[in-house]
Amino acid sequence: MSNDQQIVEACIRQERVAQRKLYEQFSGKLFGVAMRYMKDREEAQDVLQDAFVKIFRKIDTFRFDCPLEAWMRKIVVNTALKVLQKNAQMKWVDIDGQYDLEDQNQQNLGLENMKMDTLLGMVNELPEGSRMVFNLYAIEGYKHHEIAEMLGINEGTSKSQYSRAKNLLSEKIVKENNRLAKSRSEYERGF
């Protein structure tokens, strides 16, 4: 029996030690997921707390047909989406024809040399709708038809929001790379 199976079974029996262990093992990663969707740490913490309540309530439905972390991650994402929809924070812009169907996965945004916290900050600055779709598509791995169904939008809106997010991120990355190059140049001239 795997460690995950043991901890899940103990959580089903509502053993507090197992619940604490599950929380301690996964809360850091899941908080990071919540932060990608919410605007600040307090909102992300609320989402994480609500998600863990759901996890502990529904742990008996987990069937080990996927990794435990993936199952929990989906609950966090769905919890964040529900909060954003409830608060009507998502704004959708459908820009017909503004996306490339063939090249969506292949476009290089120039992220290889970007620090993760800088990149996450840029993603967090995206408009809500674009940020949501970018997270779901590029990070969580959902397909556009799945995103459309989850968010109650059409598939074209999902694609255009993703395209918009990529374009905005590309602009931000170019600006950041130019800023870094200028700083490096000024630093080198000083020596």
C-alpha atoms as a PDB file:
ATOM      1  CA  MET A   1       0.000   0.000   0.000  1.00  0.00           C
ATOM      2  CA  SER A   2       1.408   3.394  -1.005  1.00  0.00           C
ATOM      3  CA  ASN A   3       1.929   6.300   1.349  1.00  0.00           C
ATOM      4  CA  ASP A   4      -0.850   8.216  -0.462  1.00  0.00           C
ATOM      5  CA  GLN A   5      -3.249   5.304   0.033  1.00  0.00           C
ATOM      6  CA  GLN A   6      -2.441   5.160   3.730  1.00  0.00           C
ATOM      7  CA  ILE A   7      -2.925   8.865   4.245  1.00  0.00           C
ATOM      8  CA  VAL A   8      -6.172   8.920   2.218  1.00  0.00           C
ATOM      9  CA  GLU A   9      -7.598   6.010   4.195  1.00  0.00           C
ATOM     10  CA  ALA A  10      -6.643   7.682   7.470  1.00  0.00           C
ATOM     11  CA  CYS A  11      -8.243  10.950   6.277  1.00  0.00           C
ATOM     12  CA  ILE A  12     -11.425   9.037   5.394  1.00  0.00           C
ATOM     13  CA  ARG A  13     -11.445   7.868   9.012  1.00  0.00           C
ATOM     14  CA  GLN A  14     -11.049  11.580   9.915  1.00  0.00           C
ATOM     15  CA  GLU A  15      -7.785  11.048  11.737  1.00  0.00           C
ATOM     16  CA  ARG A  16      -6.474  14.533  12.540  1.00  0.00           C
ATOM     17  CA  VAL A  17      -2.820  13.485  12.354  1.00  0.00           C
ATOM     18  CA  ALA A  18      -3.333  12.246   8.779  1.00  0.00           C
ATOM     19  CA  GLN A  19      -5.252  15.382   7.832  1.00  0.00           C
ATOM     20  CA  ARG A  20      -2.442  17.542   9.188  1.00  0.00           C
ATOM     21  CA  LYS A  21       0.114  15.444   7.297  1.00  0.00           C
ATOM     22  CA  LEU A  22      -1.845  15.776   4.047  1.00  0.00           C
ATOM     23  CA  TYR A  23      -2.135  19.527   4.560  1.00  0.00           C
ATOM     24  CA  GLU A  24       1.563  19.929   5.365  1.00  0.00           C
ATOM     25  CA  GLN A  25       2.604  17.767   2.423  1.00  0.00           C
ATOM     26  CA  PHE A  26       0.555  19.583  -0.216  1.00  0.00           C
ATOM     27  CA  SER A  27      -0.436  23.025   1.071  1.00  0.00           C
ATOM     28  CA  GLY A  28       2.670  24.789  -0.259  1.00  0.00           C
ATOM     29  CA  LYS A  29       2.208  23.585  -3.824  1.00  0.00           C
ATOM     30  CA  LEU A  30      -1.542  24.113  -3.727  1.00  0.00           C
ATOM     31  CA  PHE A  31      -1.105  27.623  -2.339  1.00  0.00           C
ATOM     32  CA  GLY A  32       1.050  28.346  -5.382  1.00  0.00           C
ATOM     33  CA  VAL A  33      -1.811  27.155  -7.599  1.00  0.00           C
ATOM     34  CA  ALA A  34      -4.272  29.411  -5.762  1.00  0.00           C
ATOM     35  CA  MET A  35      -1.882  32.381  -6.083  1.00  0.00           C
ATOM     36  CA  ARG A  36      -1.890  32.044  -9.877  1.00  0.00           C
ATOM     37  CA  TYR A  37      -5.633  32.647  -9.908  1.00  0.00           C
ATOM     38  CA  MET A  38      -6.157  35.137  -7.106  1.00  0.00           C
ATOM     39  CA  LYS A  39      -4.853  38.703  -6.963  1.00  0.00           C
ATOM     40  CA  ASP A  40      -3.382  38.602  -3.467  1.00  0.00           C
ATOM     41  CA  ARG A  41      -2.137  36.242  -0.760  1.00  0.00           C
ATOM     42  CA  GLU A  42      -5.193  36.693   1.437  1.00  0.00           C
ATOM     43  CA  GLU A  43      -7.589  35.646  -1.333  1.00  0.00           C
ATOM     44  CA  ALA A  44      -5.328  32.717  -2.219  1.00  0.00           C
ATOM     45  CA  GLN A  45      -5.227  31.622   1.418  1.00  0.00           C
ATOM     46  CA  ASP A  46      -9.040  31.737   1.563  1.00  0.00           C
ATOM     47  CA  VAL A  47      -9.241  29.621  -1.591  1.00  0.00           C
ATOM     48  CA  LEU A  48      -6.731  27.148  -0.161  1.00  0.00           C
ATOM     49  CA  GLN A  49      -8.684  26.859   3.071  1.00  0.00           C
ATOM     50  CA  ASP A  50     -11.991  26.342   1.238  1.00  0.00           C
ATOM     51  CA  ALA A  51     -10.343  23.799  -1.052  1.00  0.00           C
ATOM     52  CA  PHE A  52      -8.984  21.782   1.876  1.00  0.00           C
ATOM     53  CA  VAL A  53     -12.420  21.746   3.469  1.00  0.00           C
ATOM     54  CA  LYS A  54     -13.735  20.268   0.200  1.00  0.00           C
ATOM     55  CA  ILE A  55     -10.819  17.855  -0.027  1.00  0.00           C
ATOM     56  CA  PHE A  56     -11.439  16.513   3.467  1.00  0.00           C
ATOM     57  CA  ARG A  57     -15.187  16.287   2.825  1.00  0.00           C
ATOM     58  CA  LYS A  58     -14.747  14.479  -0.493  1.00  0.00           C
ATOM     59  CA  ILE A  59     -11.623  12.426   0.187  1.00  0.00           C
ATOM     60  CA  ASP A  60     -13.737   9.270   0.234  1.00  0.00           C
ATOM     61  CA  THR A  61     -14.514   9.836  -3.473  1.00  0.00           C
ATOM     62  CA  PHE A  62     -10.831   9.727  -4.486  1.00  0.00           C
ATOM     63  CA  ARG A  63     -10.312   6.496  -6.481  1.00  0.00           C
ATOM     64  CA  PHE A  64      -6.565   6.570  -7.218  1.00  0.00           C
ATOM     65  CA  ASP A  65      -7.215   6.810 -10.956  1.00  0.00           C
ATOM     66  CA  CYS A  66      -4.868   9.812 -11.005  1.00  0.00           C
ATOM     67  CA  PRO A  67      -2.180  11.129  -8.651  1.00  0.00           C
ATOM     68  CA  LEU A  68      -3.551  12.487  -5.365  1.00  0.00           C
ATOM     69  CA  GLU A  69      -1.869  15.836  -5.969  1.00  0.00           C
ATOM     70  CA  ALA A  70      -3.575  16.188  -9.373  1.00  0.00           C
ATOM     71  CA  TRP A  71      -6.972  15.469  -7.805  1.00  0.00           C
ATOM     72  CA  MET A  72      -6.374  18.043  -5.072  1.00  0.00           C
ATOM     73  CA  ARG A  73      -5.023  20.575  -7.582  1.00  0.00           C
ATOM     74  CA  LYS A  74      -8.238  20.319  -9.594  1.00  0.00           C
ATOM     75  CA  ILE A  75     -10.253  21.077  -6.450  1.00  0.00           C
ATOM     76  CA  VAL A  76      -8.123  24.173  -5.793  1.00  0.00           C
ATOM     77  CA  VAL A  77      -8.541  25.378  -9.384  1.00  0.00           C
ATOM     78  CA  ASN A  78     -12.307  24.816  -9.303  1.00  0.00           C
ATOM     79  CA  THR A  79     -12.567  26.574  -5.936  1.00  0.00           C
ATOM     80  CA  ALA A  80     -10.654  29.583  -7.283  1.00  0.00           C
ATOM     81  CA  LEU A  81     -12.829  29.693 -10.415  1.00  0.00           C
ATOM     82  CA  LYS A  82     -16.010  29.618  -8.353  1.00  0.00           C
ATOM     83  CA  VAL A  83     -14.783  32.481  -6.160  1.00  0.00           C
ATOM     84  CA  LEU A  84     -13.860  34.571  -9.199  1.00  0.00           C
ATOM     85  CA  GLN A  85     -17.160  33.835 -10.919  1.00  0.00           C
ATOM     86  CA  LYS A  86     -19.101  34.621  -7.742  1.00  0.00           C
ATOM     87  CA  ASN A  87     -17.294  37.925  -7.387  1.00  0.00           C
ATOM     88  CA  ALA A  88     -17.716  38.585 -11.126  1.00  0.00           C
ATOM     89  CA  GLN A  89     -14.012  39.382 -11.390  1.00  0.00           C
ATOM     90  CA  MET A  90     -13.496  37.707 -14.762  1.00  0.00           C
ATOM     91  CA  LYS A  91     -13.894  39.916 -17.798  1.00  0.00           C
ATOM     92  CA  TRP A  92     -14.015  38.283 -21.198  1.00  0.00           C
ATOM     93  CA  VAL A  93     -12.982  39.787 -24.472  1.00  0.00           C
ATOM     94  CA  ASP A  94     -13.652  37.680 -27.549  1.00  0.00           C
ATOM     95  CA  ILE A  95     -11.341  38.833 -30.280  1.00  0.00           C
ATOM     96  CA  ASP A  96     -12.405  36.757 -33.267  1.00  0.00           C
ATOM     97  CA  GLY A  97      -9.554  35.721 -35.509  1.00  0.00           C
ATOM     98  CA  GLN A  98      -6.866  36.921 -33.130  1.00  0.00           C
ATOM     99  CA  TYR A  99      -5.452  33.496 -32.398  1.00  0.00           C
ATOM    100  CA  ASP A 100      -3.410  31.021 -34.357  1.00  0.00           C
ATOM    101  CA  LEU A 101      -4.919  27.544 -34.168  1.00  0.00           C
ATOM    102  CA  GLU A 102      -1.834  25.742 -35.443  1.00  0.00           C
ATOM    103  CA  ASP A 103       0.903  27.383 -33.410  1.00  0.00           C
ATOM    104  CA  GLN A 104      -0.578  27.799 -29.943  1.00  0.00           C
ATOM    105  CA  ASN A 105       1.640  25.232 -28.227  1.00  0.00           C
ATOM    106  CA  GLN A 106       4.723  25.944 -30.286  1.00  0.00           C
ATOM    107  CA  GLN A 107       5.185  29.689 -29.830  1.00  0.00           C
ATOM    108  CA  ASN A 108       8.224  30.422 -27.703  1.00  0.00           C
ATOM    109  CA  LEU A 109       7.556  33.271 -25.306  1.00  0.00           C
ATOM    110  CA  GLY A 110      11.266  33.617 -24.461  1.00  0.00           C
ATOM    111  CA  LEU A 111      10.827  32.380 -20.918  1.00  0.00           C
ATOM    112  CA  GLU A 112      13.993  30.277 -20.676  1.00  0.00           C
ATOM    113  CA  ASN A 113      16.019  32.944 -18.877  1.00  0.00           C
ATOM    114  CA  MET A 114      13.177  34.464 -16.862  1.00  0.00           C
ATOM    115  CA  LYS A 115      13.149  34.106 -13.087  1.00  0.00           C
ATOM    116  CA  MET A 116      10.045  32.258 -11.912  1.00  0.00           C
ATOM    117  CA  ASP A 117       8.904  34.967  -9.490  1.00  0.00           C
ATOM    118  CA  THR A 118       9.263  37.611 -12.218  1.00  0.00           C
ATOM    119  CA  LEU A 119       7.257  35.495 -14.647  1.00  0.00           C
ATOM    120  CA  LEU A 120       4.546  34.747 -12.080  1.00  0.00           C
ATOM    121  CA  GLY A 121       4.352  38.457 -11.324  1.00  0.00           C
ATOM    122  CA  MET A 122       3.821  39.157 -15.021  1.00  0.00           C
ATOM    123  CA  VAL A 123       1.122  36.491 -15.246  1.00  0.00           C
ATOM    124  CA  ASN A 124      -0.547  37.957 -12.168  1.00  0.00           C
ATOM    125  CA  GLU A 125      -0.670  41.373 -13.870  1.00  0.00           C
ATOM    126  CA  LEU A 126      -2.689  40.026 -16.817  1.00  0.00           C
ATOM    127  CA  PRO A 127      -6.366  40.976 -17.061  1.00  0.00           C
ATOM    128  CA  GLU A 128      -8.502  38.434 -15.170  1.00  0.00           C
ATOM    129  CA  GLY A 129      -9.956  36.629 -18.178  1.00  0.00           C
ATOM    130  CA  SER A 130      -6.628  36.274 -19.953  1.00  0.00           C
ATOM    131  CA  ARG A 131      -4.852  35.252 -16.777  1.00  0.00           C
ATOM    132  CA  MET A 132      -7.473  32.608 -16.015  1.00  0.00           C
ATOM    133  CA  VAL A 133      -7.306  31.036 -19.472  1.00  0.00           C
ATOM    134  CA  PHE A 134      -3.503  31.239 -19.558  1.00  0.00           C
ATOM    135  CA  ASN A 135      -3.269  29.407 -16.237  1.00  0.00           C
ATOM    136  CA  LEU A 136      -5.789  26.756 -17.248  1.00  0.00           C
ATOM    137  CA  TYR A 137      -4.280  26.158 -20.689  1.00  0.00           C
ATOM    138  CA  ALA A 138      -0.541  26.727 -20.333  1.00  0.00           C
ATOM    139  CA  ILE A 139      -0.023  25.654 -16.743  1.00  0.00           C
ATOM    140  CA  GLU A 140      -2.826  23.258 -15.838  1.00  0.00           C
ATOM    141  CA  GLY A 141      -2.962  21.652 -19.292  1.00  0.00           C
ATOM    142  CA  TYR A 142      -6.675  21.916 -20.016  1.00  0.00           C
ATOM    143  CA  LYS A 143      -7.843  22.041 -23.643  1.00  0.00           C
ATOM    144  CA  HIS A 144      -9.779  25.044 -24.921  1.00  0.00           C
ATOM    145  CA  HIS A 145     -13.053  23.135 -25.149  1.00  0.00           C
ATOM    146  CA  GLU A 146     -12.621  22.079 -21.498  1.00  0.00           C
ATOM    147  CA  ILE A 147     -11.852  25.647 -20.439  1.00  0.00           C
ATOM    148  CA  ALA A 148     -14.893  26.906 -22.324  1.00  0.00           C
ATOM    149  CA  GLU A 149     -17.089  24.408 -20.527  1.00  0.00           C
ATOM    150  CA  MET A 150     -15.563  25.160 -17.110  1.00  0.00           C
ATOM    151  CA  LEU A 151     -15.930  28.914 -17.478  1.00  0.00           C
ATOM    152  CA  GLY A 152     -19.199  29.054 -19.377  1.00  0.00           C
ATOM    153  CA  ILE A 153     -17.659  30.744 -22.414  1.00  0.00           C
ATOM    154  CA  ASN A 154     -17.261  29.665 -26.017  1.00  0.00           C
ATOM    155  CA  GLU A 155     -14.112  27.968 -27.262  1.00  0.00           C
ATOM    156  CA  GLY A 156     -13.199  30.974 -29.438  1.00  0.00           C
ATOM    157  CA  THR A 157     -13.214  33.213 -26.372  1.00  0.00           C
ATOM    158  CA  SER A 158     -10.862  30.819 -24.612  1.00  0.00           C
ATOM    159  CA  LYS A 159      -8.514  30.827 -27.604  1.00  0.00           C
ATOM    160  CA  SER A 160      -8.592  34.598 -27.979  1.00  0.00           C
ATOM    161  CA  GLN A 161      -7.988  35.121 -24.254  1.00  0.00           C
ATOM    162  CA  TYR A 162      -5.012  32.763 -24.412  1.00  0.00           C
ATOM    163  CA  SER A 163      -3.665  34.587 -27.465  1.00  0.00           C
ATOM    164  CA  ARG A 164      -4.166  37.916 -25.699  1.00  0.00           C
ATOM    165  CA  ALA A 165      -2.323  36.603 -22.628  1.00  0.00           C
ATOM    166  CA  LYS A 166       0.602  35.393 -24.762  1.00  0.00           C
ATOM    167  CA  ASN A 167       0.825  38.736 -26.553  1.00  0.00           C
ATOM    168  CA  LEU A 168       0.716  40.715 -23.308  1.00  0.00           C
ATOM    169  CA  LEU A 169       3.291  38.420 -21.705  1.00  0.00           C
ATOM    170  CA  SER A 170       5.537  38.714 -24.753  1.00  0.00           C
ATOM    171  CA  GLU A 171       5.399  42.508 -24.483  1.00  0.00           C
ATOM    172  CA  LYS A 172       6.186  42.349 -20.756  1.00  0.00           C
ATOM    173  CA  ILE A 173       9.067  39.942 -21.339  1.00  0.00           C
ATOM    174  CA  VAL A 174      10.579  42.145 -24.050  1.00  0.00           C
ATOM    175  CA  LYS A 175      10.350  45.169 -21.733  1.00  0.00           C
ATOM    176  CA  GLU A 176      11.914  43.214 -18.860  1.00  0.00           C
ATOM    177  CA  ASN A 177      14.715  41.873 -21.067  1.00  0.00           C
ATOM    178  CA  ASN A 178      15.406  45.395 -22.372  1.00  0.00           C
ATOM    179  CA  ARG A 179      15.462  46.721 -18.817  1.00  0.00           C
ATOM    180  CA  LEU A 180      17.902  43.990 -17.753  1.00  0.00           C
ATOM    181  CA  ALA A 181      20.124  44.584 -20.790  1.00  0.00           C
ATOM    182  CA  LYS A 182      20.219  48.320 -20.069  1.00  0.00           C
ATOM    183  CA  SER A 183      21.067  47.697 -16.410  1.00  0.00           C
ATOM    184  CA  ARG A 184      23.815  45.253 -17.397  1.00  0.00           C
ATOM    185  CA  SER A 185      25.220  47.726 -19.902  1.00  0.00           C
ATOM    186  CA  GLU A 186      25.244  50.545 -17.354  1.00  0.00           C
ATOM    187  CA  TYR A 187      26.863  48.234 -14.809  1.00  0.00           C
ATOM    188  CA  GLU A 188      29.591  47.195 -17.260  1.00  0.00           C
ATOM    189  CA  ARG A 189      30.321  50.828 -18.211  1.00  0.00           C
ATOM    190  CA  GLY A 190      30.798  51.636 -14.547  1.00  0.00           C
ATOM    191  CA  PHE A 191      33.817  49.318 -14.381  1.00  0.00           C
END
